[in-house]
N, C-alpha and C. Protein backbone atom coordinates (compact mmCIF):
# COMPACT_ATOMS: atom_id res chain seq x y z
N MET A 1 0.83 -1.19 0.00
CA MET A 1 0.00 0.00 0.00
C MET A 1 0.87 1.25 0.00
N ASN A 2 0.46 2.25 -0.75
CA ASN A 2 1.18 3.51 -0.73
C ASN A 2 0.95 4.22 0.60
N THR A 3 1.99 4.83 1.12
CA THR A 3 1.86 5.63 2.35
C THR A 3 2.57 6.94 2.17
N TYR A 4 2.12 7.94 2.91
CA TYR A 4 2.88 9.17 2.93
C TYR A 4 2.80 9.79 4.30
N ILE A 5 3.93 10.35 4.73
CA ILE A 5 4.08 10.82 6.10
C ILE A 5 3.85 12.32 6.18
N MET A 6 3.15 12.72 7.22
CA MET A 6 2.85 14.12 7.41
C MET A 6 4.11 14.91 7.76
N LYS A 7 4.21 16.09 7.17
CA LYS A 7 5.35 16.96 7.46
C LYS A 7 5.18 17.60 8.85
N LYS A 8 6.28 18.09 9.38
CA LYS A 8 6.27 18.75 10.68
C LYS A 8 5.24 19.87 10.72
N GLN A 9 4.51 19.95 11.81
CA GLN A 9 3.51 20.99 12.01
C GLN A 9 3.81 21.74 13.30
N VAL A 10 3.42 23.02 13.34
CA VAL A 10 3.56 23.82 14.55
C VAL A 10 2.23 23.82 15.28
N MET A 11 2.26 23.42 16.54
CA MET A 11 1.06 23.34 17.35
C MET A 11 1.01 24.45 18.38
N SER A 12 -0.20 24.82 18.77
CA SER A 12 -0.42 25.74 19.88
C SER A 12 -0.90 24.93 21.06
N VAL A 13 -0.09 24.82 22.10
CA VAL A 13 -0.42 24.01 23.26
C VAL A 13 -0.74 24.92 24.44
N GLU A 14 -1.87 24.68 25.06
CA GLU A 14 -2.28 25.52 26.18
C GLU A 14 -1.75 24.97 27.49
N ILE A 15 -1.02 25.81 28.23
CA ILE A 15 -0.47 25.43 29.53
C ILE A 15 -0.81 26.52 30.53
N PHE A 16 -1.65 26.20 31.49
CA PHE A 16 -2.12 27.18 32.48
C PHE A 16 -2.61 28.45 31.78
N ASN A 17 -3.46 28.26 30.77
CA ASN A 17 -4.12 29.35 30.04
C ASN A 17 -3.17 30.23 29.24
N LYS A 18 -1.99 29.73 28.97
CA LYS A 18 -1.04 30.43 28.11
C LYS A 18 -0.67 29.51 26.94
N THR A 19 -0.48 30.12 25.76
CA THR A 19 -0.16 29.34 24.57
C THR A 19 1.34 29.16 24.43
N VAL A 20 1.75 27.92 24.24
CA VAL A 20 3.16 27.58 24.01
C VAL A 20 3.24 26.85 22.67
N PHE A 21 4.12 27.31 21.78
CA PHE A 21 4.25 26.67 20.49
C PHE A 21 5.18 25.45 20.59
N ALA A 22 4.83 24.42 19.84
CA ALA A 22 5.64 23.21 19.79
C ALA A 22 5.51 22.61 18.40
N THR A 23 6.48 21.80 18.01
CA THR A 23 6.43 21.19 16.69
C THR A 23 6.31 19.69 16.82
N THR A 24 5.68 19.07 15.83
CA THR A 24 5.42 17.64 15.91
C THR A 24 6.66 16.77 15.77
N ASP A 25 7.82 17.38 15.53
CA ASP A 25 9.06 16.60 15.55
C ASP A 25 9.73 16.66 16.92
N GLY A 26 8.97 17.11 17.94
CA GLY A 26 9.44 17.01 19.32
C GLY A 26 10.20 18.20 19.85
N MET A 27 9.96 19.41 19.30
CA MET A 27 10.61 20.61 19.79
C MET A 27 9.57 21.54 20.41
N VAL A 28 9.92 22.14 21.54
CA VAL A 28 9.01 23.02 22.28
C VAL A 28 9.67 24.39 22.44
N SER A 29 8.89 25.44 22.29
CA SER A 29 9.43 26.79 22.49
C SER A 29 9.75 26.99 23.96
N LEU A 30 11.02 27.04 24.27
CA LEU A 30 11.44 27.27 25.65
C LEU A 30 11.13 28.71 26.05
N THR A 31 11.17 29.60 25.07
CA THR A 31 10.82 31.01 25.32
C THR A 31 9.37 31.10 25.78
N GLY A 32 8.48 30.47 25.01
CA GLY A 32 7.07 30.48 25.37
C GLY A 32 6.78 29.73 26.65
N LEU A 33 7.49 28.65 26.85
CA LEU A 33 7.29 27.85 28.06
C LEU A 33 7.68 28.64 29.30
N CYS A 34 8.78 29.36 29.22
CA CYS A 34 9.22 30.17 30.35
C CYS A 34 8.25 31.31 30.62
N THR A 35 7.70 31.89 29.55
CA THR A 35 6.69 32.95 29.71
C THR A 35 5.46 32.41 30.42
N ALA A 36 5.01 31.22 30.00
CA ALA A 36 3.86 30.58 30.65
C ALA A 36 4.18 30.25 32.11
N GLY A 37 5.39 29.75 32.34
CA GLY A 37 5.79 29.41 33.70
C GLY A 37 5.87 30.62 34.60
N ASN A 38 6.35 31.73 34.05
CA ASN A 38 6.45 32.94 34.86
C ASN A 38 5.08 33.57 35.10
N HIS A 39 4.15 33.34 34.18
CA HIS A 39 2.77 33.77 34.44
C HIS A 39 2.23 33.00 35.65
N TRP A 40 2.50 31.69 35.69
CA TRP A 40 2.07 30.88 36.82
C TRP A 40 2.79 31.34 38.10
N ARG A 41 4.09 31.58 38.01
CA ARG A 41 4.86 32.01 39.17
C ARG A 41 4.35 33.36 39.69
N GLY A 42 3.98 34.25 38.78
CA GLY A 42 3.46 35.55 39.18
C GLY A 42 2.18 35.42 39.98
N GLU A 43 1.29 34.54 39.53
CA GLU A 43 0.04 34.33 40.27
C GLU A 43 0.31 33.70 41.63
N ALA A 44 1.42 32.96 41.73
CA ALA A 44 1.79 32.34 43.00
C ALA A 44 2.68 33.25 43.84
N LYS A 45 2.81 34.51 43.41
CA LYS A 45 3.63 35.51 44.12
C LYS A 45 5.10 35.10 44.19
N MET A 46 5.59 34.49 43.13
CA MET A 46 6.99 34.09 43.05
C MET A 46 7.72 34.96 42.04
N LYS A 47 9.02 35.12 42.21
CA LYS A 47 9.81 35.90 41.28
C LYS A 47 9.93 35.18 39.93
N PRO A 48 10.06 35.92 38.82
CA PRO A 48 10.20 35.29 37.51
C PRO A 48 11.45 34.42 37.43
N TYR A 49 11.34 33.33 36.71
CA TYR A 49 12.49 32.48 36.46
C TYR A 49 13.21 33.01 35.23
N GLN A 50 14.54 33.03 35.27
CA GLN A 50 15.32 33.61 34.19
C GLN A 50 15.79 32.54 33.21
N LEU A 51 15.27 32.58 31.99
CA LEU A 51 15.63 31.59 30.98
C LEU A 51 17.12 31.62 30.62
N PRO A 52 17.75 32.80 30.47
CA PRO A 52 19.17 32.81 30.11
C PRO A 52 20.05 32.01 31.07
N GLY A 53 19.72 32.05 32.37
CA GLY A 53 20.50 31.30 33.34
C GLY A 53 20.40 29.81 33.09
N PHE A 54 19.22 29.35 32.74
CA PHE A 54 19.03 27.93 32.42
C PHE A 54 19.80 27.55 31.17
N MET A 55 19.72 28.40 30.13
CA MET A 55 20.35 28.10 28.85
C MET A 55 21.87 28.03 28.96
N SER A 56 22.44 28.80 29.86
CA SER A 56 23.90 28.83 29.98
C SER A 56 24.43 27.91 31.08
N SER A 57 23.54 27.18 31.71
CA SER A 57 23.95 26.35 32.85
C SER A 57 24.78 25.14 32.41
N GLY A 58 25.71 24.77 33.27
CA GLY A 58 26.50 23.58 33.03
C GLY A 58 25.64 22.32 33.05
N TYR A 59 24.57 22.37 33.86
CA TYR A 59 23.66 21.23 33.95
C TYR A 59 23.03 20.92 32.60
N LEU A 60 22.57 21.98 31.89
CA LEU A 60 21.95 21.77 30.59
C LEU A 60 22.96 21.22 29.59
N LYS A 61 24.16 21.76 29.61
CA LYS A 61 25.20 21.28 28.70
C LYS A 61 25.52 19.80 28.95
N GLU A 62 25.61 19.42 30.22
CA GLU A 62 25.89 18.03 30.55
C GLU A 62 24.74 17.13 30.13
N TYR A 63 23.51 17.64 30.30
CA TYR A 63 22.35 16.85 29.91
C TYR A 63 22.33 16.59 28.41
N ILE A 64 22.56 17.63 27.63
CA ILE A 64 22.56 17.47 26.16
C ILE A 64 23.62 16.48 25.72
N LYS A 65 24.79 16.55 26.34
CA LYS A 65 25.86 15.62 25.99
C LYS A 65 25.45 14.19 26.31
N ALA A 66 24.88 13.98 27.50
CA ALA A 66 24.48 12.63 27.91
C ALA A 66 23.32 12.11 27.05
N ALA A 67 22.34 12.98 26.77
CA ALA A 67 21.20 12.58 25.96
C ALA A 67 21.62 12.25 24.54
N SER A 68 22.58 12.99 24.03
CA SER A 68 23.08 12.75 22.68
C SER A 68 23.68 11.35 22.57
N ILE A 69 24.43 10.96 23.59
CA ILE A 69 25.04 9.62 23.60
C ILE A 69 23.98 8.55 23.79
N GLU A 70 23.06 8.80 24.72
CA GLU A 70 22.02 7.81 25.05
C GLU A 70 21.11 7.50 23.87
N TRP A 71 20.72 8.55 23.12
CA TRP A 71 19.73 8.37 22.06
C TRP A 71 20.32 8.37 20.66
N GLY A 72 21.63 8.62 20.58
CA GLY A 72 22.26 8.65 19.26
C GLY A 72 21.82 9.82 18.42
N ILE A 73 21.55 10.96 19.07
CA ILE A 73 21.13 12.19 18.39
C ILE A 73 22.24 13.22 18.49
N ASP A 74 22.55 13.89 17.39
CA ASP A 74 23.59 14.90 17.41
C ASP A 74 23.23 16.01 18.39
N GLU A 75 24.20 16.52 19.12
CA GLU A 75 23.95 17.56 20.12
C GLU A 75 23.30 18.80 19.52
N SER A 76 23.58 19.08 18.25
CA SER A 76 23.03 20.27 17.60
C SER A 76 21.52 20.19 17.40
N LYS A 77 20.95 18.98 17.55
CA LYS A 77 19.52 18.79 17.33
C LYS A 77 18.67 19.12 18.55
N PHE A 78 19.30 19.38 19.68
CA PHE A 78 18.55 19.59 20.91
C PHE A 78 18.07 21.03 21.11
N LEU A 79 18.70 21.97 20.45
CA LEU A 79 18.33 23.38 20.59
C LEU A 79 18.35 24.06 19.23
N LYS A 80 17.46 25.02 19.03
CA LYS A 80 17.50 25.83 17.82
C LYS A 80 16.80 27.15 18.09
N VAL A 81 17.19 28.17 17.35
CA VAL A 81 16.57 29.49 17.47
C VAL A 81 15.76 29.75 16.20
N VAL A 82 14.51 30.14 16.40
CA VAL A 82 13.61 30.42 15.28
C VAL A 82 13.26 31.90 15.29
N GLY A 83 13.42 32.59 14.15
CA GLY A 83 13.14 34.00 14.06
C GLY A 83 14.34 34.86 14.43
N ARG A 84 14.14 36.17 14.36
CA ARG A 84 15.23 37.10 14.64
C ARG A 84 14.77 38.22 15.57
N GLY A 85 15.75 38.84 16.21
CA GLY A 85 15.48 40.00 17.05
C GLY A 85 14.51 39.69 18.17
N GLN A 86 13.59 40.63 18.42
CA GLN A 86 12.66 40.48 19.53
C GLN A 86 11.64 39.38 19.31
N HIS A 87 11.54 38.92 18.07
CA HIS A 87 10.58 37.86 17.76
C HIS A 87 11.23 36.46 17.81
N ALA A 88 12.51 36.41 18.09
CA ALA A 88 13.22 35.12 18.12
C ALA A 88 12.73 34.28 19.29
N GLN A 89 12.62 32.99 19.05
CA GLN A 89 12.26 32.05 20.10
C GLN A 89 13.24 30.89 20.10
N THR A 90 13.65 30.48 21.28
CA THR A 90 14.52 29.33 21.42
C THR A 90 13.67 28.09 21.61
N TYR A 91 13.87 27.11 20.74
CA TYR A 91 13.16 25.84 20.85
C TYR A 91 14.12 24.79 21.39
N GLY A 92 13.58 23.88 22.20
CA GLY A 92 14.38 22.80 22.74
C GLY A 92 13.66 21.48 22.63
N HIS A 93 14.44 20.40 22.58
CA HIS A 93 13.87 19.06 22.60
C HIS A 93 12.89 18.94 23.76
N VAL A 94 11.83 18.17 23.57
CA VAL A 94 10.78 18.08 24.59
C VAL A 94 11.34 17.69 25.95
N SER A 95 12.39 16.89 25.99
CA SER A 95 12.97 16.51 27.27
C SER A 95 13.60 17.72 27.96
N ILE A 96 14.13 18.65 27.19
CA ILE A 96 14.69 19.88 27.75
C ILE A 96 13.55 20.77 28.27
N ALA A 97 12.42 20.77 27.57
CA ALA A 97 11.27 21.52 28.04
C ALA A 97 10.83 21.01 29.41
N VAL A 98 10.88 19.70 29.59
CA VAL A 98 10.52 19.12 30.89
C VAL A 98 11.52 19.54 31.96
N LEU A 99 12.81 19.58 31.60
CA LEU A 99 13.84 20.03 32.55
C LEU A 99 13.60 21.47 32.97
N LEU A 100 13.28 22.32 31.98
CA LEU A 100 13.03 23.73 32.28
C LEU A 100 11.82 23.86 33.19
N ALA A 101 10.77 23.11 32.90
CA ALA A 101 9.56 23.18 33.71
C ALA A 101 9.84 22.77 35.15
N GLU A 102 10.74 21.81 35.32
CA GLU A 102 11.11 21.36 36.66
C GLU A 102 11.76 22.49 37.45
N LYS A 103 12.55 23.29 36.75
CA LYS A 103 13.22 24.41 37.40
C LYS A 103 12.23 25.52 37.78
N ILE A 104 11.18 25.66 36.98
CA ILE A 104 10.22 26.74 37.20
C ILE A 104 9.37 26.50 38.44
N SER A 105 8.82 25.30 38.58
CA SER A 105 8.08 24.95 39.80
C SER A 105 7.61 23.51 39.70
N PRO A 106 7.40 22.84 40.83
CA PRO A 106 6.90 21.46 40.81
C PRO A 106 5.55 21.33 40.09
N ALA A 107 4.63 22.27 40.36
CA ALA A 107 3.31 22.21 39.74
C ALA A 107 3.39 22.40 38.23
N PHE A 108 4.23 23.33 37.81
CA PHE A 108 4.39 23.58 36.38
C PHE A 108 5.04 22.38 35.71
N HIS A 109 6.02 21.81 36.39
CA HIS A 109 6.69 20.61 35.88
C HIS A 109 5.69 19.48 35.69
N ALA A 110 4.82 19.27 36.67
CA ALA A 110 3.83 18.20 36.58
C ALA A 110 2.90 18.40 35.39
N ARG A 111 2.47 19.65 35.15
CA ARG A 111 1.57 19.92 34.03
C ARG A 111 2.27 19.68 32.69
N VAL A 112 3.48 20.17 32.55
CA VAL A 112 4.23 20.00 31.30
C VAL A 112 4.51 18.52 31.03
N HIS A 113 4.90 17.80 32.06
CA HIS A 113 5.15 16.36 31.93
C HIS A 113 3.88 15.65 31.49
N HIS A 114 2.78 16.01 32.11
CA HIS A 114 1.50 15.36 31.80
C HIS A 114 1.10 15.59 30.34
N ILE A 115 1.33 16.79 29.84
CA ILE A 115 0.94 17.13 28.47
C ILE A 115 1.85 16.47 27.44
N PHE A 116 3.16 16.63 27.61
CA PHE A 116 4.09 16.22 26.57
C PHE A 116 4.59 14.77 26.70
N ILE A 117 4.73 14.28 27.92
CA ILE A 117 5.27 12.93 28.11
C ILE A 117 4.15 11.91 28.29
N ASP A 118 3.30 12.11 29.29
CA ASP A 118 2.20 11.18 29.51
C ASP A 118 1.18 11.26 28.38
N GLY A 119 0.81 12.49 28.02
CA GLY A 119 -0.21 12.67 27.00
C GLY A 119 0.29 12.50 25.58
N GLN A 120 1.60 12.63 25.37
CA GLN A 120 2.21 12.46 24.04
C GLN A 120 1.48 13.28 22.97
N ILE A 121 1.21 14.52 23.29
CA ILE A 121 0.41 15.33 22.38
C ILE A 121 1.07 15.52 21.01
N LEU A 122 2.39 15.66 20.98
CA LEU A 122 3.07 15.88 19.71
C LEU A 122 3.06 14.61 18.86
N GLN A 123 3.32 13.47 19.50
CA GLN A 123 3.31 12.20 18.76
C GLN A 123 1.92 11.90 18.22
N ASN A 124 0.89 12.15 19.03
CA ASN A 124 -0.47 11.86 18.60
C ASN A 124 -0.93 12.81 17.50
N ARG A 125 -0.45 14.04 17.53
CA ARG A 125 -0.79 14.97 16.44
C ARG A 125 -0.20 14.48 15.13
N LEU A 126 1.05 14.03 15.19
CA LEU A 126 1.72 13.53 13.99
C LEU A 126 1.03 12.27 13.48
N MET A 127 0.71 11.36 14.38
CA MET A 127 0.03 10.13 14.00
C MET A 127 -1.35 10.42 13.41
N GLY A 128 -2.05 11.40 13.99
CA GLY A 128 -3.36 11.76 13.49
C GLY A 128 -3.31 12.26 12.06
N GLY A 129 -2.30 13.07 11.76
CA GLY A 129 -2.13 13.56 10.39
C GLY A 129 -1.84 12.43 9.42
N ASP A 130 -1.00 11.51 9.84
CA ASP A 130 -0.66 10.37 8.99
C ASP A 130 -1.88 9.46 8.77
N GLU A 131 -2.66 9.24 9.84
CA GLU A 131 -3.83 8.39 9.71
C GLU A 131 -4.91 9.04 8.85
N PHE A 132 -5.01 10.36 8.91
CA PHE A 132 -5.98 11.05 8.05
C PHE A 132 -5.61 10.86 6.58
N LYS A 133 -4.33 10.94 6.29
CA LYS A 133 -3.88 10.72 4.92
C LYS A 133 -4.07 9.26 4.51
N ARG A 134 -3.90 8.36 5.48
CA ARG A 134 -4.16 6.95 5.19
C ARG A 134 -5.63 6.74 4.81
N VAL A 135 -6.53 7.40 5.53
CA VAL A 135 -7.96 7.32 5.21
C VAL A 135 -8.21 7.86 3.80
N ASN A 136 -7.57 8.98 3.46
CA ASN A 136 -7.74 9.55 2.13
C ASN A 136 -7.28 8.58 1.04
N LEU A 137 -6.15 7.93 1.28
CA LEU A 137 -5.65 6.94 0.31
C LEU A 137 -6.62 5.78 0.16
N ALA A 138 -7.20 5.35 1.28
CA ALA A 138 -8.16 4.24 1.23
C ALA A 138 -9.41 4.64 0.46
N ILE A 139 -9.84 5.88 0.64
CA ILE A 139 -11.00 6.38 -0.11
C ILE A 139 -10.67 6.41 -1.60
N ASP A 140 -9.48 6.89 -1.94
CA ASP A 140 -9.06 6.93 -3.34
C ASP A 140 -9.11 5.54 -3.98
N GLU A 141 -8.62 4.56 -3.23
CA GLU A 141 -8.47 3.22 -3.79
C GLU A 141 -9.75 2.40 -3.77
N PHE A 142 -10.54 2.53 -2.71
CA PHE A 142 -11.69 1.64 -2.54
C PHE A 142 -13.05 2.32 -2.65
N LEU A 143 -13.11 3.65 -2.39
CA LEU A 143 -14.40 4.35 -2.42
C LEU A 143 -14.32 5.61 -3.28
N PRO A 144 -13.85 5.50 -4.51
CA PRO A 144 -13.68 6.70 -5.34
C PRO A 144 -15.01 7.36 -5.67
N SER A 145 -14.98 8.67 -5.77
CA SER A 145 -16.17 9.42 -6.14
C SER A 145 -16.48 9.21 -7.62
N PRO A 146 -17.77 9.13 -7.99
CA PRO A 146 -18.13 9.01 -9.41
C PRO A 146 -17.59 10.16 -10.26
N SER A 147 -17.40 11.31 -9.63
CA SER A 147 -16.90 12.47 -10.37
C SER A 147 -15.40 12.41 -10.59
N GLY A 148 -14.72 11.49 -9.88
CA GLY A 148 -13.27 11.37 -9.99
C GLY A 148 -12.52 12.34 -9.09
N ASN A 149 -13.24 13.15 -8.32
CA ASN A 149 -12.61 14.11 -7.41
C ASN A 149 -13.07 13.80 -5.99
N ASN A 150 -12.15 13.35 -5.16
CA ASN A 150 -12.49 12.96 -3.80
C ASN A 150 -12.29 14.05 -2.76
N SER A 151 -11.94 15.25 -3.18
CA SER A 151 -11.63 16.32 -2.22
C SER A 151 -12.78 16.56 -1.25
N HIS A 152 -14.00 16.59 -1.77
CA HIS A 152 -15.14 16.85 -0.90
C HIS A 152 -15.34 15.73 0.11
N ARG A 153 -14.93 14.52 -0.26
CA ARG A 153 -15.04 13.39 0.68
C ARG A 153 -14.03 13.52 1.81
N TYR A 154 -12.80 13.93 1.46
CA TYR A 154 -11.80 14.17 2.51
C TYR A 154 -12.31 15.21 3.51
N ILE A 155 -12.87 16.30 2.96
CA ILE A 155 -13.35 17.41 3.79
C ILE A 155 -14.47 16.94 4.71
N ASN A 156 -15.39 16.14 4.17
CA ASN A 156 -16.50 15.67 4.98
C ASN A 156 -16.04 14.74 6.10
N VAL A 157 -15.11 13.84 5.79
CA VAL A 157 -14.59 12.95 6.83
C VAL A 157 -13.92 13.76 7.93
N SER A 158 -13.14 14.76 7.52
CA SER A 158 -12.47 15.62 8.49
C SER A 158 -13.48 16.33 9.38
N LYS A 159 -14.53 16.85 8.77
CA LYS A 159 -15.58 17.56 9.51
C LYS A 159 -16.27 16.64 10.49
N TRP A 160 -16.61 15.42 10.05
CA TRP A 160 -17.31 14.48 10.93
C TRP A 160 -16.44 14.06 12.11
N ILE A 161 -15.16 13.87 11.85
CA ILE A 161 -14.25 13.49 12.95
C ILE A 161 -14.11 14.63 13.94
N ARG A 162 -14.00 15.86 13.43
CA ARG A 162 -13.93 17.02 14.33
C ARG A 162 -15.16 17.07 15.23
N GLU A 163 -16.32 16.84 14.64
CA GLU A 163 -17.56 16.88 15.42
C GLU A 163 -17.59 15.78 16.48
N LYS A 164 -17.11 14.59 16.10
CA LYS A 164 -17.06 13.48 17.06
C LYS A 164 -16.11 13.80 18.21
N CYS A 165 -15.07 14.54 17.91
CA CYS A 165 -14.08 14.92 18.93
C CYS A 165 -14.45 16.24 19.61
N GLU A 166 -15.61 16.79 19.23
CA GLU A 166 -16.11 18.05 19.78
C GLU A 166 -15.14 19.20 19.54
N ILE A 167 -14.53 19.18 18.36
CA ILE A 167 -13.70 20.29 17.92
C ILE A 167 -14.49 21.01 16.82
N ASN A 168 -15.26 21.99 17.22
CA ASN A 168 -16.16 22.65 16.28
C ASN A 168 -15.75 24.09 15.96
N LYS A 169 -14.59 24.49 16.42
CA LYS A 169 -14.12 25.84 16.15
C LYS A 169 -13.88 26.01 14.66
N PRO A 170 -14.51 27.00 14.02
CA PRO A 170 -14.35 27.16 12.57
C PRO A 170 -12.92 27.53 12.20
N CYS A 171 -12.48 27.02 11.08
CA CYS A 171 -11.14 27.31 10.61
C CYS A 171 -11.09 27.12 9.10
N GLU A 172 -9.96 27.45 8.50
CA GLU A 172 -9.84 27.38 7.05
C GLU A 172 -9.36 26.04 6.56
N SER A 173 -8.74 25.25 7.41
CA SER A 173 -8.23 23.96 6.94
C SER A 173 -8.20 22.94 8.06
N GLU A 174 -8.20 21.67 7.67
CA GLU A 174 -8.15 20.57 8.63
C GLU A 174 -6.92 20.64 9.49
N ILE A 175 -5.77 20.98 8.90
CA ILE A 175 -4.52 21.00 9.63
C ILE A 175 -4.53 22.06 10.72
N GLU A 176 -5.04 23.27 10.39
CA GLU A 176 -5.06 24.34 11.38
C GLU A 176 -5.89 23.97 12.61
N THR A 177 -7.03 23.32 12.38
CA THR A 177 -7.88 22.94 13.51
C THR A 177 -7.12 22.08 14.51
N TRP A 178 -6.43 21.06 14.01
CA TRP A 178 -5.78 20.11 14.90
C TRP A 178 -4.49 20.66 15.50
N ASN A 179 -4.10 21.87 15.14
CA ASN A 179 -2.94 22.51 15.75
C ASN A 179 -3.35 23.54 16.79
N GLN A 180 -4.63 23.72 17.00
CA GLN A 180 -5.10 24.73 17.93
C GLN A 180 -5.15 24.18 19.35
N GLU A 181 -5.23 25.10 20.31
CA GLU A 181 -5.17 24.73 21.72
C GLU A 181 -6.27 23.75 22.12
N ALA A 182 -7.44 23.83 21.47
CA ALA A 182 -8.56 22.98 21.85
C ALA A 182 -8.28 21.50 21.63
N ALA A 183 -7.37 21.19 20.71
CA ALA A 183 -7.05 19.79 20.41
C ALA A 183 -5.99 19.29 21.39
N ASN A 184 -6.41 18.99 22.62
CA ASN A 184 -5.47 18.57 23.65
C ASN A 184 -5.06 17.10 23.47
N SER A 185 -4.28 16.59 24.39
CA SER A 185 -3.75 15.23 24.28
C SER A 185 -4.85 14.19 24.15
N THR A 186 -5.90 14.32 24.96
CA THR A 186 -7.00 13.37 24.94
C THR A 186 -7.72 13.37 23.60
N VAL A 187 -7.97 14.56 23.08
CA VAL A 187 -8.67 14.70 21.80
C VAL A 187 -7.81 14.16 20.66
N GLN A 188 -6.52 14.45 20.70
CA GLN A 188 -5.63 13.98 19.64
C GLN A 188 -5.62 12.45 19.59
N LEU A 189 -5.56 11.81 20.76
CA LEU A 189 -5.54 10.34 20.80
C LEU A 189 -6.87 9.77 20.32
N LYS A 190 -7.97 10.40 20.69
CA LYS A 190 -9.28 9.95 20.24
C LYS A 190 -9.37 10.00 18.72
N ARG A 191 -8.84 11.06 18.15
CA ARG A 191 -8.84 11.20 16.69
C ARG A 191 -8.03 10.09 16.03
N VAL A 192 -6.84 9.82 16.57
CA VAL A 192 -5.98 8.76 16.01
C VAL A 192 -6.72 7.43 15.98
N LYS A 193 -7.36 7.06 17.08
CA LYS A 193 -8.04 5.77 17.17
C LYS A 193 -9.20 5.69 16.18
N MET A 194 -9.94 6.78 16.04
CA MET A 194 -11.06 6.81 15.09
C MET A 194 -10.56 6.63 13.65
N LEU A 195 -9.53 7.36 13.31
CA LEU A 195 -9.01 7.29 11.94
C LEU A 195 -8.40 5.93 11.64
N GLU A 196 -7.69 5.35 12.61
CA GLU A 196 -7.14 4.01 12.43
C GLU A 196 -8.25 3.01 12.14
N PHE A 197 -9.34 3.12 12.90
CA PHE A 197 -10.47 2.21 12.72
C PHE A 197 -11.11 2.39 11.35
N ILE A 198 -11.34 3.63 10.96
CA ILE A 198 -11.98 3.92 9.68
C ILE A 198 -11.12 3.40 8.52
N ALA A 199 -9.83 3.70 8.56
CA ALA A 199 -8.93 3.25 7.50
C ALA A 199 -8.93 1.73 7.40
N GLY A 200 -8.86 1.07 8.54
CA GLY A 200 -8.84 -0.39 8.54
C GLY A 200 -10.11 -0.99 7.98
N MET A 201 -11.25 -0.41 8.33
CA MET A 201 -12.53 -0.91 7.84
C MET A 201 -12.62 -0.81 6.32
N ILE A 202 -12.11 0.28 5.78
CA ILE A 202 -12.14 0.45 4.32
C ILE A 202 -11.17 -0.53 3.66
N GLU A 203 -9.97 -0.64 4.22
CA GLU A 203 -8.91 -1.46 3.61
C GLU A 203 -9.26 -2.95 3.59
N ILE A 204 -9.97 -3.44 4.61
CA ILE A 204 -10.29 -4.87 4.64
C ILE A 204 -11.61 -5.19 3.93
N GLY A 205 -12.25 -4.15 3.42
CA GLY A 205 -13.49 -4.36 2.67
C GLY A 205 -14.74 -4.43 3.52
N ALA A 206 -14.65 -4.10 4.81
CA ALA A 206 -15.83 -4.10 5.68
C ALA A 206 -16.75 -2.93 5.35
N VAL A 207 -16.17 -1.88 4.81
CA VAL A 207 -16.93 -0.73 4.32
C VAL A 207 -16.76 -0.69 2.82
N LYS A 208 -17.87 -0.80 2.09
CA LYS A 208 -17.79 -0.95 0.63
C LYS A 208 -18.39 0.22 -0.14
N SER A 209 -18.95 1.19 0.56
CA SER A 209 -19.56 2.32 -0.13
C SER A 209 -19.45 3.58 0.72
N TRP A 210 -19.68 4.71 0.09
CA TRP A 210 -19.62 5.99 0.79
C TRP A 210 -20.71 6.06 1.86
N ASP A 211 -21.90 5.56 1.54
CA ASP A 211 -22.99 5.57 2.52
C ASP A 211 -22.65 4.71 3.73
N GLU A 212 -22.00 3.57 3.50
CA GLU A 212 -21.60 2.72 4.62
C GLU A 212 -20.56 3.42 5.48
N LEU A 213 -19.66 4.16 4.83
CA LEU A 213 -18.64 4.90 5.59
C LEU A 213 -19.30 5.95 6.47
N LYS A 214 -20.24 6.68 5.93
CA LYS A 214 -20.96 7.68 6.71
C LYS A 214 -21.64 7.05 7.91
N SER A 215 -22.25 5.88 7.70
CA SER A 215 -22.95 5.19 8.78
C SER A 215 -21.99 4.76 9.87
N VAL A 216 -20.81 4.25 9.47
CA VAL A 216 -19.81 3.82 10.44
C VAL A 216 -19.35 5.00 11.30
N ILE A 217 -19.06 6.12 10.66
CA ILE A 217 -18.59 7.29 11.41
C ILE A 217 -19.67 7.81 12.36
N GLU A 218 -20.90 7.78 11.92
CA GLU A 218 -22.00 8.24 12.78
C GLU A 218 -22.10 7.40 14.05
N LYS A 219 -21.72 6.13 13.97
CA LYS A 219 -21.84 5.22 15.11
C LYS A 219 -20.62 5.23 16.02
N LEU A 220 -19.56 5.92 15.65
CA LEU A 220 -18.35 5.94 16.46
C LEU A 220 -18.61 6.63 17.80
């Protein structure tokens, strides 16, 4: 079967009512994370945590060196700067984001760990995109439109899945919706499981028509 993998996407992740950008290849904006953490610290009457001190710490350097050896990843892949000037943001591997959160506060660390490690929000977003494309391929191969154009079928499946996941915020594209704050870890995983099931049903011939596909999705 033909497969195609979804390209890296930038997600908006909500942490204590603040938006933190992250990418589906496992990088988190440390700049945004520290801003969110300091918002939490401010409400707790704590002094702001200084990101530059963390970035220049010997602890971080030792961690990157050890992680590079442990996982076989080049040290240069753990940090990157996106943008220029006042708009520049430092992104770090998700494990570094967890380290930073630990320094900010125990409560903040617990939330970040829950979202990125336990919830696997970035992995599930990537899997969801791949499974959506798998469904599209299955429609092309087994449930082609009489008109020869399946675009409207892709759009309808996307809409129905959003509704099942209670993601009804209007947007211009399927990809943008699933990158918004409302698509949390739980919702992303629910989407993956639904799409896996739909693709499998089409591929094994359990769903043989467009009407049958609609019926299956309605019953999910």
